[in-house]
Amino acid sequence: MIPFFQFPEEIRRVIYTTNTAESLHKSPPRVTKNRGSFPSEEATFKLLYLALRNAGKRWRSVRGRREAMRQFEMIYPGRLQAARAA
């Protein structure tokens, strides 16, 4: 808990909520429950990949995300660019 409070308020506000994680965990069952069976294992993985990719698009709209990313860049300079380049 102590490391959490060492972050600035802008970051804490974004990482405090578990809604994003809960949404991610609900995605695979939601997309597979209406399917009776899959033609192959590859088709199953492709559907799950697309569901997780679409979930990632929704995360970009998290309120306060931009401010939190600025704070992260100030705390850990250069790491975001390195991660994007990788």
Protein backbone atom coordinates (compact mmCIF):
# COMPACT_ATOMS: atom_id res chain seq x y z
CA MET A 1 0.00 0.00 0.00
CA ILE A 2 2.85 2.40 0.77
CA PRO A 3 4.32 2.33 -2.78
CA PHE A 4 0.87 3.23 -4.10
CA PHE A 5 0.83 6.46 -2.06
CA GLN A 6 4.29 7.42 -3.29
CA PHE A 7 2.84 8.08 -6.75
CA PRO A 8 1.34 11.51 -7.54
CA GLU A 9 -2.43 11.87 -7.27
CA GLU A 10 -2.86 11.86 -11.07
CA ILE A 11 -1.36 8.37 -11.26
CA ARG A 12 -3.15 7.04 -8.18
CA ARG A 13 -6.49 8.14 -9.60
CA VAL A 14 -5.93 6.04 -12.74
CA ILE A 15 -4.40 2.91 -11.17
CA TYR A 16 -6.66 2.82 -8.10
CA THR A 17 -9.66 1.41 -9.87
CA THR A 18 -9.92 -2.26 -10.74
CA ASN A 19 -12.60 -1.69 -13.40
CA THR A 20 -10.10 -2.10 -16.22
CA ALA A 21 -8.76 -5.39 -14.85
CA GLU A 22 -12.27 -6.68 -14.20
CA SER A 23 -13.30 -5.77 -17.73
CA LEU A 24 -10.29 -7.62 -19.13
CA HIS A 25 -11.11 -10.77 -17.18
CA LYS A 26 -14.71 -10.72 -18.38
CA SER A 27 -13.79 -10.37 -22.07
CA PRO A 28 -12.78 -13.97 -22.95
CA PRO A 29 -15.86 -15.67 -21.45
CA ARG A 30 -18.12 -13.05 -22.99
CA VAL A 31 -16.86 -13.65 -26.53
CA THR A 32 -16.70 -17.44 -26.28
CA LYS A 33 -19.96 -18.25 -24.47
CA ASN A 34 -22.21 -17.83 -27.54
CA ARG A 35 -20.07 -20.11 -29.67
CA GLY A 36 -20.90 -23.82 -29.55
CA SER A 37 -17.51 -24.96 -30.77
CA PHE A 38 -14.53 -23.71 -32.71
CA PRO A 39 -13.20 -25.20 -35.94
CA SER A 40 -9.63 -25.19 -34.60
CA GLU A 41 -7.50 -24.12 -31.69
CA GLU A 42 -6.09 -21.34 -33.87
CA ALA A 43 -9.60 -19.92 -34.39
CA THR A 44 -10.11 -19.84 -30.63
CA PHE A 45 -6.86 -17.99 -30.04
CA LYS A 46 -7.62 -15.55 -32.85
CA LEU A 47 -11.01 -14.70 -31.36
CA LEU A 48 -9.48 -14.21 -27.90
CA TYR A 49 -6.69 -12.06 -29.34
CA LEU A 50 -9.19 -9.80 -31.11
CA ALA A 51 -11.29 -9.49 -27.95
CA LEU A 52 -8.26 -8.48 -25.87
CA ARG A 53 -7.08 -6.06 -28.54
CA ASN A 54 -10.48 -4.38 -28.58
CA ALA A 55 -10.45 -4.22 -24.78
CA GLY A 56 -7.12 -2.41 -25.03
CA LYS A 57 -8.72 0.26 -27.21
CA ARG A 58 -11.26 0.96 -24.47
CA TRP A 59 -8.48 1.44 -21.91
CA ARG A 60 -7.13 4.39 -23.84
CA SER A 61 -10.26 6.30 -22.92
CA VAL A 62 -9.68 5.99 -19.15
CA ARG A 63 -10.35 9.36 -17.54
CA GLY A 64 -7.10 10.98 -16.39
CA ARG A 65 -4.91 8.65 -18.42
CA ARG A 66 -3.10 11.44 -20.25
CA GLU A 67 -2.17 13.22 -17.01
CA ALA A 68 -1.00 9.94 -15.48
CA MET A 69 1.19 9.20 -18.51
CA ARG A 70 2.79 12.64 -18.18
CA GLN A 71 3.53 11.93 -14.53
CA PHE A 72 5.01 8.53 -15.39
CA GLU A 73 7.24 10.19 -17.99
CA MET A 74 8.51 12.64 -15.36
CA ILE A 75 9.16 9.88 -12.82
CA TYR A 76 10.67 7.38 -15.30
CA PRO A 77 12.17 9.47 -18.12
CA GLY A 78 12.60 7.67 -21.42
CA ARG A 79 10.88 4.43 -20.46
CA LEU A 80 7.68 5.10 -22.41
CA GLN A 81 9.58 5.81 -25.63
CA ALA A 82 11.71 2.69 -25.11
CA ALA A 83 8.60 0.57 -24.57
CA ARG A 84 6.90 2.00 -27.66
CA ALA A 85 10.02 1.37 -29.76
CA ALA A 86 10.27 -2.26 -28.62
